[in-house]
């Protein structure tokens, strides 16, 4: 009675464990992996970086406003004169012409009918070439202090803008490079996503395969264990030899070893799936596809051009080609003039707008600035040629990738079709192996078939079942690889919170 109660309790606990164990769909594993994967997060941040760079490049089309201010303390003021200056004063005639005799103290004489002044020695001189010999009657004082300017405290400030008018296409080319850079980052993110989905699906189907292999190993061990029990009874009854019993025992040990290996492999594969999905390594769960669907689904093929357009690698290489083309235009723009409109408001203290005052005074200025490159020993030509070569390299890389991907698509299509045929064949082999095992079991129980023949039938049954599992998983993986080559392996439509775990 106690034994029955213990069995009942253990059965209840086992049933409760199965009920509470969560079930994971393949789509859930994908979503958890995307949310957990650091490479995807880095790729998403790279897209944001590229977006910011594109927005920064777009601002270059607009004027650039800036303000500047400066203060300078000078030890000394500025003086235009070393000493007081005396300025000669002219007397004027009624018609406004200078009256030289009335302005000078020099004596005059007539030479060849023309009045000529005499110097202090009584010799005639030319006042234009010898102004120092002129003796002025009146002089005006210009004191040194009148030409001194207070420059000890100088304040200067400007606010203005620069609006590009024509930059040879440089700004447009740089904006295009930033725009293509954003598209490139998005394509790289999509490629990272595809690689992650491929890894998740491979780990998922590996776990499904090993779960099926563990179940199969337990079934096979059950067959061998039953045969071991039967052969012992037959040995006791004298209708079988100890050699027969030993052969069965060896097979039973081999089945135990195979079961242990399968369970170990399942545990390791489950850990790998847990790691990529961001779950604890020792967490247990059931997979929704644990019972393999034996029906093979024909893949849906799409035109090669459409498949190539779907591939993130082609998208990335196309953007790299566009970047190289825009860079070539940017290098060409270095040969063209740059024209910009400028406007400023300048304020200073002291200012010279009304004499020289120690007050703030300012003015507006507007102008056009042009820079025309002339010659720099071929620097621009060399960089332009380098940009052209980079564009040709990007074009060749894109063409090469398309050729290889077209070959990859055809190979994946053939492998998928081959795997479907293999699955169909292994399914037929299972039917034959099951029938063969039934006849062998009945013949062994009737005593018309030896233990060796029954063991061979059981081994054939195990091999057929195992090959069928491999074939089913191979179909899943070949379809997966075909989806990747066609560019139809996409991330989940939404990255919402993983829905509540289902229970068994």
Protein backbone atom coordinates (compact mmCIF):
# COMPACT_ATOMS: atom_id res chain seq x y z
CA UNK A 1 0.00 0.00 0.00
CA UNK A 2 2.81 2.40 0.91
CA UNK A 3 4.50 1.61 -2.41
CA UNK A 4 1.32 2.56 -4.29
CA UNK A 5 1.06 5.82 -2.39
CA UNK A 6 4.72 6.68 -3.18
CA UNK A 7 4.17 5.98 -6.88
CA UNK A 8 1.03 8.15 -6.83
CA UNK A 9 2.89 11.05 -5.19
CA UNK A 10 5.78 10.83 -7.66
CA UNK A 11 3.36 10.72 -10.58
CA UNK A 12 1.54 13.77 -9.26
CA UNK A 13 4.83 15.69 -8.85
CA UNK A 14 5.95 14.72 -12.32
CA UNK A 15 2.62 15.80 -13.83
CA UNK A 16 2.82 19.12 -11.94
CA UNK A 17 6.36 19.66 -13.24
CA UNK A 18 5.22 19.06 -16.79
CA UNK A 19 2.27 21.38 -16.35
CA UNK A 20 4.38 24.23 -14.99
CA UNK A 21 7.12 23.80 -17.58
CA UNK A 22 6.85 26.58 -20.15
CA UNK A 23 6.54 26.00 -23.86
CA UNK A 24 8.56 28.10 -26.27
CA UNK A 25 7.63 28.88 -29.84
CA UNK A 26 10.34 29.51 -32.41
CA UNK A 27 9.08 33.09 -32.81
CA UNK A 28 9.41 33.65 -29.05
CA UNK A 29 13.00 32.44 -29.12
CA UNK A 30 13.72 34.87 -31.96
CA UNK A 31 12.19 37.81 -30.08
CA UNK A 32 14.07 37.00 -26.87
CA UNK A 33 17.34 36.67 -28.78
CA UNK A 34 16.82 40.02 -30.50
CA UNK A 35 16.03 41.72 -27.19
CA UNK A 36 19.08 40.14 -25.52
CA UNK A 37 21.72 40.28 -28.26
CA UNK A 38 24.32 43.02 -27.75
CA UNK A 39 25.38 43.08 -31.40
CA UNK A 40 21.83 43.98 -32.41
CA UNK A 41 21.76 46.74 -29.81
CA UNK A 42 25.09 48.08 -31.10
CA UNK A 43 23.76 47.99 -34.67
CA UNK A 44 20.66 49.91 -33.57
CA UNK A 45 22.85 52.56 -31.94
CA UNK A 46 24.94 52.77 -35.12
CA UNK A 47 21.75 53.54 -37.05
CA UNK A 48 20.99 56.36 -34.60
CA UNK A 49 24.54 57.68 -35.00
CA UNK A 50 24.19 57.68 -38.79
CA UNK A 51 20.83 59.48 -38.52
CA UNK A 52 22.39 62.21 -36.40
CA UNK A 53 25.26 62.62 -38.86
CA UNK A 54 22.76 62.97 -41.71
CA UNK A 55 20.84 65.65 -39.82
CA UNK A 56 24.11 67.43 -39.03
CA UNK A 57 25.08 67.35 -42.73
CA UNK A 58 21.68 68.80 -43.69
CA UNK A 59 22.29 71.85 -41.47
CA UNK A 60 25.22 72.85 -43.71
CA UNK A 61 22.71 74.13 -46.29
CA UNK A 62 21.66 76.88 -43.85
CA UNK A 63 23.55 79.99 -42.68
CA UNK A 64 26.00 79.72 -39.83
CA UNK A 65 25.47 82.35 -37.14
CA UNK A 66 28.22 83.20 -34.70
CA UNK A 67 29.10 85.81 -32.11
CA UNK A 68 32.55 86.83 -30.91
CA UNK A 69 33.75 89.14 -28.18
CA UNK A 70 37.15 90.24 -26.97
CA UNK A 71 38.63 92.45 -24.28
CA UNK A 72 42.22 93.69 -24.28
CA UNK A 73 44.09 95.68 -21.66
CA UNK A 74 47.05 97.68 -23.01
CA UNK A 75 49.78 99.19 -20.86
CA UNK A 76 50.10 102.37 -22.94
CA UNK A 77 47.88 104.60 -24.99
CA UNK A 78 48.56 105.36 -28.64
CA UNK A 79 49.99 108.75 -29.73
CA UNK A 80 50.43 109.78 -33.36
CA UNK A 81 52.96 112.54 -32.46
CA UNK A 82 56.22 112.34 -30.54
CA UNK A 83 56.13 116.09 -29.64
CA UNK A 84 53.95 119.14 -30.14
CA UNK A 85 53.61 120.00 -33.83
CA UNK A 86 53.43 123.45 -35.51
CA UNK A 87 51.47 123.70 -38.70
CA UNK A 88 52.12 126.61 -41.15
CA UNK A 89 49.19 128.90 -41.88
CA UNK A 90 48.57 130.20 -45.45
CA UNK A 91 47.16 133.61 -46.22
CA UNK A 92 44.71 133.47 -49.11
CA UNK A 93 43.92 135.85 -51.92
CA UNK A 94 40.38 136.96 -52.60
CA UNK A 95 39.99 134.21 -55.20
CA UNK A 96 41.07 131.56 -52.67
CA UNK A 97 44.62 131.00 -54.01
CA UNK A 98 47.57 131.09 -51.58
CA UNK A 99 49.14 134.53 -51.04
CA UNK A 100 52.75 133.53 -50.66
CA UNK A 101 54.29 136.95 -49.97
CA UNK A 102 51.70 137.58 -47.28
CA UNK A 103 52.36 134.14 -45.73
CA UNK A 104 56.18 134.12 -45.84
CA UNK A 105 58.84 136.37 -44.33
CA UNK A 106 61.28 135.59 -47.18
CA UNK A 107 62.48 138.35 -49.47
CA UNK A 108 61.57 138.02 -53.13
CA UNK A 109 63.35 138.68 -56.39
CA UNK A 110 62.47 138.31 -60.00
CA UNK A 111 64.22 135.70 -62.10
CA UNK A 112 63.34 135.60 -65.80
CA UNK A 113 60.17 137.54 -65.06
CA UNK A 114 59.00 135.19 -62.28
CA UNK A 115 58.95 136.05 -58.52
CA UNK A 116 61.31 133.77 -56.61
CA UNK A 117 61.80 133.73 -52.79
CA UNK A 118 65.25 134.24 -51.23
CA UNK A 119 66.65 132.20 -48.37
CA UNK A 120 68.36 133.58 -45.28
CA UNK A 121 71.59 134.02 -47.30
CA UNK A 122 69.82 135.98 -50.01
CA UNK A 123 69.97 133.17 -52.56
CA UNK A 124 66.88 132.23 -54.63
CA UNK A 125 65.43 128.69 -54.01
CA UNK A 126 62.60 126.50 -55.17
CA UNK A 127 60.04 126.14 -52.32
CA UNK A 128 58.78 122.85 -53.76
CA UNK A 129 62.16 121.15 -53.42
CA UNK A 130 63.43 123.08 -50.38
CA UNK A 131 60.41 123.73 -48.12
CA UNK A 132 62.69 123.96 -45.10
CA UNK A 133 64.02 127.36 -46.33
CA UNK A 134 60.55 128.93 -46.14
CA UNK A 135 60.15 131.38 -43.27
CA UNK A 136 56.48 131.34 -42.23
CA UNK A 137 54.87 134.38 -40.68
CA UNK A 138 52.21 132.39 -38.72
CA UNK A 139 52.07 128.78 -37.39
CA UNK A 140 49.24 126.82 -35.68
CA UNK A 141 50.05 124.68 -32.65
CA UNK A 142 49.02 121.00 -32.76
CA UNK A 143 49.67 119.70 -29.24
CA UNK A 144 50.80 116.12 -28.76
CA UNK A 145 47.92 115.42 -26.33
CA UNK A 146 45.40 116.10 -29.09
CA UNK A 147 46.66 113.07 -31.06
CA UNK A 148 46.74 110.65 -28.16
CA UNK A 149 44.06 107.87 -28.01
CA UNK A 150 43.05 105.99 -24.90
CA UNK A 151 43.62 102.30 -25.84
CA UNK A 152 44.20 100.87 -22.39
CA UNK A 153 40.77 99.13 -22.25
CA UNK A 154 39.56 97.86 -25.62
CA UNK A 155 36.23 96.05 -26.10
CA UNK A 156 35.36 94.44 -29.44
CA UNK A 157 32.31 92.35 -30.36
CA UNK A 158 30.80 90.95 -33.56
CA UNK A 159 27.71 88.96 -34.46
CA UNK A 160 27.16 87.73 -37.98
CA UNK A 161 26.33 84.95 -40.39
CA UNK A 162 27.82 83.13 -43.35
CA UNK A 163 25.45 81.69 -45.95
CA UNK A 164 26.93 79.29 -48.53
CA UNK A 165 25.81 80.22 -52.03
CA UNK A 166 27.89 77.90 -54.19
CA UNK A 167 30.36 75.36 -52.86
CA UNK A 168 30.92 73.39 -56.04
CA UNK A 169 28.44 70.71 -54.90
CA UNK A 170 30.51 69.88 -51.83
CA UNK A 171 27.67 70.30 -49.31
CA UNK A 172 25.25 68.21 -51.41
CA UNK A 173 27.86 65.46 -51.79
CA UNK A 174 28.58 65.40 -48.06
CA UNK A 175 24.86 65.24 -47.29
CA UNK A 176 24.48 62.34 -49.74
CA UNK A 177 27.37 60.51 -48.06
CA UNK A 178 25.67 60.92 -44.67
CA UNK A 179 22.33 59.77 -46.11
CA UNK A 180 23.88 56.69 -47.71
CA UNK A 181 25.73 56.09 -44.43
CA UNK A 182 22.37 55.90 -42.66
CA UNK A 183 21.10 53.38 -45.22
CA UNK A 184 24.34 51.42 -44.84
CA UNK A 185 23.91 51.25 -41.05
CA UNK A 186 20.32 50.03 -41.52
CA UNK A 187 21.47 47.35 -43.95
CA UNK A 188 24.19 46.26 -41.53
CA UNK A 189 21.62 46.08 -38.74
CA UNK A 190 19.39 43.94 -40.96
CA UNK A 191 22.33 41.68 -41.75
CA UNK A 192 23.12 41.31 -38.03
CA UNK A 193 19.46 40.46 -37.46
CA UNK A 194 19.52 37.83 -40.19
CA UNK A 195 22.67 36.22 -38.80
CA UNK A 196 21.13 36.15 -35.32
CA UNK A 197 17.90 34.58 -36.59
CA UNK A 198 19.96 31.97 -38.42
CA UNK A 199 21.84 31.14 -35.21
CA UNK A 200 18.64 30.98 -33.15
CA UNK A 201 16.88 28.73 -35.65
CA UNK A 202 19.90 26.42 -35.89
CA UNK A 203 20.07 26.10 -32.09
CA UNK A 204 16.30 25.66 -31.87
CA UNK A 205 16.15 22.81 -34.41
CA UNK A 206 19.24 21.24 -32.91
CA UNK A 207 17.45 21.01 -29.57
CA UNK A 208 14.35 19.63 -31.29
CA UNK A 209 16.50 17.05 -33.06
CA UNK A 210 18.24 15.94 -29.87
CA UNK A 211 14.97 15.79 -27.93
CA UNK A 212 13.67 13.43 -30.61
CA UNK A 213 16.94 11.46 -30.48
CA UNK A 214 16.62 11.14 -26.67
CA UNK A 215 13.04 9.91 -27.02
CA UNK A 216 14.14 7.46 -29.71
CA UNK A 217 17.07 6.26 -27.56
CA UNK A 218 14.68 5.59 -24.68
CA UNK A 219 12.35 3.63 -26.97
CA UNK A 220 15.25 1.61 -28.31
CA UNK A 221 16.53 0.90 -24.81
CA UNK A 222 13.01 -0.21 -23.86
CA UNK A 223 13.04 -2.71 -26.73
CA UNK A 224 16.45 -4.04 -25.74
CA UNK A 225 15.47 -4.14 -22.05
CA UNK A 226 12.35 -6.20 -22.88
CA UNK A 227 14.40 -8.51 -25.04
CA UNK A 228 16.96 -8.84 -22.23
CA UNK A 229 14.19 -9.86 -19.84
CA UNK A 230 12.79 -12.34 -22.38
CA UNK A 231 16.18 -13.88 -23.16
CA UNK A 232 16.89 -14.43 -19.48
CA UNK A 233 13.65 -16.30 -19.13
CA UNK A 234 14.51 -18.34 -22.19
CA UNK A 235 17.96 -19.13 -20.76
CA UNK A 236 16.34 -20.32 -17.58
CA UNK A 237 14.02 -22.50 -19.61
CA UNK A 238 16.93 -23.85 -21.65
CA UNK A 239 15.72 -22.62 -25.02
CA UNK A 240 18.46 -19.96 -25.32
CA UNK A 241 22.16 -19.91 -24.58
CA UNK A 242 24.17 -17.66 -22.32
CA UNK A 243 25.92 -16.34 -25.43
CA UNK A 244 22.55 -15.03 -26.63
CA UNK A 245 22.03 -13.35 -23.27
CA UNK A 246 25.48 -11.78 -23.38
CA UNK A 247 24.86 -10.36 -26.88
CA UNK A 248 21.64 -8.77 -25.67
CA UNK A 249 23.37 -7.44 -22.54
CA UNK A 250 26.09 -5.82 -24.68
CA UNK A 251 23.39 -4.18 -26.81
CA UNK A 252 21.65 -2.96 -23.66
CA UNK A 253 24.90 -1.38 -22.43
CA UNK A 254 25.40 0.23 -25.80
CA UNK A 255 21.85 1.59 -25.65
CA UNK A 256 22.56 3.05 -22.18
CA UNK A 257 25.72 4.74 -23.49
CA UNK A 258 23.87 6.10 -26.54
CA UNK A 259 21.09 7.41 -24.31
CA UNK A 260 23.61 9.13 -22.02
CA UNK A 261 25.36 10.76 -24.98
CA UNK A 262 22.04 11.94 -26.41
CA UNK A 263 20.98 13.43 -23.07
CA UNK A 264 24.34 15.16 -22.61
CA UNK A 265 24.15 16.55 -26.13
CA UNK A 266 20.61 17.76 -25.47
CA UNK A 267 21.67 19.54 -22.27
CA UNK A 268 24.57 21.28 -24.03
CA UNK A 269 22.40 22.28 -26.98
CA UNK A 270 19.70 23.60 -24.67
CA UNK A 271 22.34 25.68 -22.86
CA UNK A 272 23.45 27.14 -26.20
CA UNK A 273 19.85 28.07 -27.04
CA UNK A 274 19.36 29.54 -23.56
CA UNK A 275 22.48 31.66 -23.94
CA UNK A 276 21.52 33.14 -27.29
CA UNK A 277 17.98 33.84 -26.01
CA UNK A 278 19.22 35.45 -22.80
CA UNK A 279 17.75 32.82 -20.47
CA UNK A 280 19.49 31.13 -17.50
CA UNK A 281 21.65 28.29 -18.79
CA UNK A 282 19.97 25.66 -16.60
CA UNK A 283 16.38 26.72 -17.35
CA UNK A 284 14.14 23.91 -18.58
CA UNK A 285 11.34 24.27 -21.12
CA UNK A 286 9.46 22.47 -23.85
CA UNK A 287 9.68 23.43 -27.50
CA UNK A 288 6.48 23.76 -29.48
CA UNK A 289 7.97 21.70 -32.33
CA UNK A 290 9.15 18.89 -30.07
CA UNK A 291 6.96 16.43 -31.95
CA UNK A 292 8.44 16.74 -35.41
CA UNK A 293 6.06 17.40 -38.28
CA UNK A 294 6.86 14.75 -40.88
CA UNK A 295 5.18 16.66 -43.69
CA UNK A 296 7.72 18.39 -45.90
CA UNK A 297 6.69 21.81 -47.22
CA UNK A 298 7.90 22.87 -50.64
CA UNK A 299 9.75 26.21 -50.42
CA UNK A 300 8.42 29.26 -52.23
CA UNK A 301 10.99 30.55 -54.70
CA UNK A 302 11.14 34.14 -55.93
CA UNK A 303 12.92 35.69 -58.94
CA UNK A 304 16.68 36.12 -58.63
CA UNK A 305 16.52 39.90 -59.02
CA UNK A 306 13.98 40.18 -56.22
CA UNK A 307 16.04 37.87 -54.01
CA UNK A 308 19.19 39.93 -54.57
CA UNK A 309 17.26 43.12 -53.79
CA UNK A 310 16.14 41.53 -50.50
CA UNK A 311 19.64 40.62 -49.35
CA UNK A 312 21.03 43.02 -46.71
CA UNK A 313 24.55 42.35 -48.00
CA UNK A 314 23.56 43.68 -51.44
CA UNK A 315 21.86 46.66 -49.81
CA UNK A 316 25.04 47.42 -47.85
CA UNK A 317 27.28 47.11 -50.91
CA UNK A 318 24.89 49.28 -52.93
CA UNK A 319 25.12 52.01 -50.29
CA UNK A 320 28.92 51.70 -50.25
CA UNK A 321 28.89 52.18 -54.02
CA UNK A 322 26.68 55.26 -53.61
CA UNK A 323 29.00 56.62 -50.92
CA UNK A 324 31.98 56.15 -53.23
CA UNK A 325 30.13 57.97 -56.03
CA UNK A 326 29.22 60.88 -53.72
CA UNK A 327 32.82 61.02 -52.48
CA UNK A 328 33.96 61.30 -56.09
CA UNK A 329 31.65 64.32 -56.51
CA UNK A 330 33.03 65.83 -53.30
CA UNK A 331 36.59 65.50 -54.63
CA UNK A 332 35.51 67.09 -57.93
CA UNK A 333 34.00 70.05 -56.04
CA UNK A 334 37.48 70.99 -54.80
CA UNK A 335 38.26 72.25 -58.32
CA UNK A 336 35.31 74.68 -58.29
CA UNK A 337 35.04 78.10 -56.63
CA UNK A 338 33.35 78.63 -53.26
CA UNK A 339 31.04 81.60 -52.87
CA UNK A 340 29.37 82.70 -49.65
CA UNK A 341 27.31 85.65 -48.43
CA UNK A 342 28.44 87.25 -45.16
CA UNK A 343 26.81 89.75 -42.85
CA UNK A 344 28.10 91.15 -39.55
CA UNK A 345 27.45 93.78 -36.93
CA UNK A 346 30.66 95.13 -35.36
CA UNK A 347 30.76 97.03 -32.07
CA UNK A 348 33.85 98.43 -30.33
CA UNK A 349 34.89 100.62 -27.43
CA UNK A 350 36.76 102.91 -28.08
CA UNK A 351 35.24 103.57 -31.52
CA UNK A 352 36.38 105.82 -34.36
CA UNK A 353 33.00 106.47 -35.97
CA UNK A 354 32.68 109.97 -34.45
CA UNK A 355 36.17 111.18 -33.72
CA UNK A 356 37.70 108.85 -31.19
CA UNK A 357 35.41 108.17 -28.23
CA UNK A 358 35.62 105.78 -25.35
CA UNK A 359 32.03 104.69 -25.98
CA UNK A 360 30.46 101.70 -27.67
CA UNK A 361 29.77 102.22 -31.34
CA UNK A 362 28.92 99.81 -34.11
CA UNK A 363 28.03 99.29 -37.76
CA UNK A 364 26.60 96.68 -40.14
CA UNK A 365 28.62 95.06 -42.91
CA UNK A 366 27.42 92.84 -45.78
CA UNK A 367 29.65 91.20 -48.34
CA UNK A 368 30.27 88.31 -50.71
CA UNK A 369 33.32 86.09 -50.26
CA UNK A 370 34.73 84.01 -53.11
CA UNK A 371 37.55 81.49 -53.05
CA UNK A 372 38.88 80.20 -56.35
CA UNK A 373 41.43 77.36 -56.19
CA UNK A 374 44.26 77.81 -58.68
CA UNK A 375 47.17 75.43 -58.19
CA UNK A 376 48.43 73.05 -55.53
CA UNK A 377 50.84 70.71 -57.32
CA UNK A 378 48.17 68.18 -58.36
CA UNK A 379 46.81 67.46 -54.85
CA UNK A 380 43.16 67.71 -55.95
CA UNK A 381 43.76 65.68 -59.10
CA UNK A 382 45.33 62.82 -57.15
CA UNK A 383 42.49 62.69 -54.61
CA UNK A 384 39.93 62.75 -57.45
CA UNK A 385 41.65 59.82 -59.16
CA UNK A 386 41.72 57.93 -55.86
CA UNK A 387 37.97 58.55 -55.41
CA UNK A 388 37.31 57.23 -58.93
CA UNK A 389 39.23 54.05 -58.13
CA UNK A 390 37.29 53.61 -54.90
CA UNK A 391 34.05 53.87 -56.87
CA UNK A 392 35.23 51.23 -59.34
CA UNK A 393 36.24 48.96 -56.43
CA UNK A 394 32.79 49.31 -54.85
CA UNK A 395 31.14 48.55 -58.20
CA UNK A 396 33.25 45.42 -58.72
CA UNK A 397 32.56 44.23 -55.17
CA UNK A 398 28.82 44.62 -55.75
CA UNK A 399 28.93 42.71 -59.04
CA UNK A 400 31.03 39.92 -57.50
CA UNK A 401 28.64 39.60 -54.54
CA UNK A 402 25.66 39.31 -56.88
CA UNK A 403 27.33 36.52 -58.84
CA UNK A 404 28.19 34.57 -55.68
CA UNK A 405 24.75 35.06 -54.18
CA UNK A 406 23.05 33.89 -57.35
CA UNK A 407 25.12 30.71 -57.14
CA UNK A 408 24.26 30.39 -53.45
CA UNK A 409 20.53 30.64 -54.22
CA UNK A 410 20.70 27.89 -56.83
CA UNK A 411 22.74 25.63 -54.53
CA UNK A 412 20.33 26.19 -51.65
CA UNK A 413 17.38 25.38 -53.93
CA UNK A 414 18.96 22.08 -55.01
CA UNK A 415 19.86 21.13 -51.44
CA UNK A 416 16.34 21.88 -50.25
CA UNK A 417 14.79 19.74 -52.98
CA UNK A 418 17.28 16.97 -52.19
CA UNK A 419 16.48 17.11 -48.47
CA UNK A 420 12.74 16.79 -49.17
CA UNK A 421 13.37 13.68 -51.29
CA UNK A 422 15.57 12.28 -48.53
CA UNK A 423 12.84 12.86 -45.94
CA UNK A 424 10.29 11.04 -48.10
CA UNK A 425 12.70 8.12 -48.57
CA UNK A 426 13.51 7.83 -44.86
CA UNK A 427 9.79 7.88 -44.06
CA UNK A 428 9.31 4.86 -46.32
CA UNK A 429 12.31 3.22 -44.67
CA UNK A 430 10.64 3.66 -41.28
CA UNK A 431 7.50 1.90 -42.48
CA UNK A 432 9.59 -1.01 -43.74
CA UNK A 433 11.73 -1.11 -40.60
CA UNK A 434 8.64 -1.12 -38.34
CA UNK A 435 7.11 -3.95 -40.33
CA UNK A 436 10.41 -5.85 -40.29
CA UNK A 437 10.71 -5.38 -36.54
CA UNK A 438 7.16 -6.64 -36.00
CA UNK A 439 7.83 -9.82 -37.99
CA UNK A 440 11.19 -10.33 -36.24
CA UNK A 441 9.62 -9.88 -32.78
CA UNK A 442 6.83 -12.31 -33.55
CA UNK A 443 9.30 -14.81 -35.04
CA UNK A 444 11.60 -14.51 -32.01
CA UNK A 445 8.71 -15.08 -29.63
CA UNK A 446 7.65 -18.06 -31.75
CA UNK A 447 11.21 -19.37 -31.69
CA UNK A 448 11.73 -19.33 -35.45
CA UNK A 449 14.07 -16.30 -35.47
CA UNK A 450 17.32 -16.01 -33.54
CA UNK A 451 18.21 -13.22 -31.13
CA UNK A 452 20.82 -12.01 -33.60
CA UNK A 453 18.15 -11.44 -36.26
CA UNK A 454 15.93 -9.62 -33.80
CA UNK A 455 18.82 -7.39 -32.70
CA UNK A 456 19.54 -6.63 -36.35
CA UNK A 457 15.89 -5.71 -36.91
CA UNK A 458 15.92 -3.45 -33.85
CA UNK A 459 19.16 -1.80 -35.02
CA UNK A 460 17.66 -1.27 -38.49
CA UNK A 461 14.55 0.24 -36.87
CA UNK A 462 16.74 2.58 -34.77
CA UNK A 463 18.80 3.58 -37.81
CA UNK A 464 15.70 4.29 -39.92
CA UNK A 465 14.12 6.38 -37.17
CA UNK A 466 17.36 8.29 -36.55
CA UNK A 467 17.90 8.96 -40.27
CA UNK A 468 14.33 10.20 -40.54
CA UNK A 469 14.87 12.65 -37.67
CA UNK A 470 18.05 13.88 -39.34
CA UNK A 471 16.21 14.20 -42.65
CA UNK A 472 13.36 16.21 -41.11
CA UNK A 473 15.78 18.57 -39.38
CA UNK A 474 17.80 18.82 -42.58
CA UNK A 475 14.66 19.96 -44.42
CA UNK A 476 14.07 22.60 -41.75
CA UNK A 477 17.65 23.85 -41.97
CA UNK A 478 17.79 23.76 -45.77
CA UNK A 479 14.59 25.81 -45.89
CA UNK A 480 16.19 28.15 -43.38
CA UNK A 481 19.34 28.55 -45.49
CA UNK A 482 17.21 29.00 -48.61
CA UNK A 483 15.23 31.76 -46.88
CA UNK A 484 18.49 33.48 -45.97
CA UNK A 485 19.82 33.22 -49.53
CA UNK A 486 16.52 34.60 -50.88
CA UNK A 487 16.56 37.42 -48.35
CA UNK A 488 13.17 36.39 -46.91
CA UNK A 489 14.50 35.49 -43.46
CA UNK A 490 13.16 38.48 -41.60
CA UNK A 491 12.98 39.55 -37.97
CA UNK A 492 9.66 39.31 -36.12
CA UNK A 493 7.21 41.99 -37.15
CA UNK A 494 7.17 43.47 -33.64
CA UNK A 495 9.58 43.38 -30.73
CA UNK A 496 6.90 43.53 -28.08
CA UNK A 497 7.28 41.95 -24.72
CA UNK A 498 7.37 38.18 -24.98
CA UNK A 499 3.92 36.87 -24.36
CA UNK A 500 3.26 34.83 -21.27
CA UNK A 501 4.71 31.37 -21.34
CA UNK A 502 2.31 28.71 -22.35
CA UNK A 503 1.89 25.65 -20.17
CA UNK A 504 1.56 22.05 -21.08
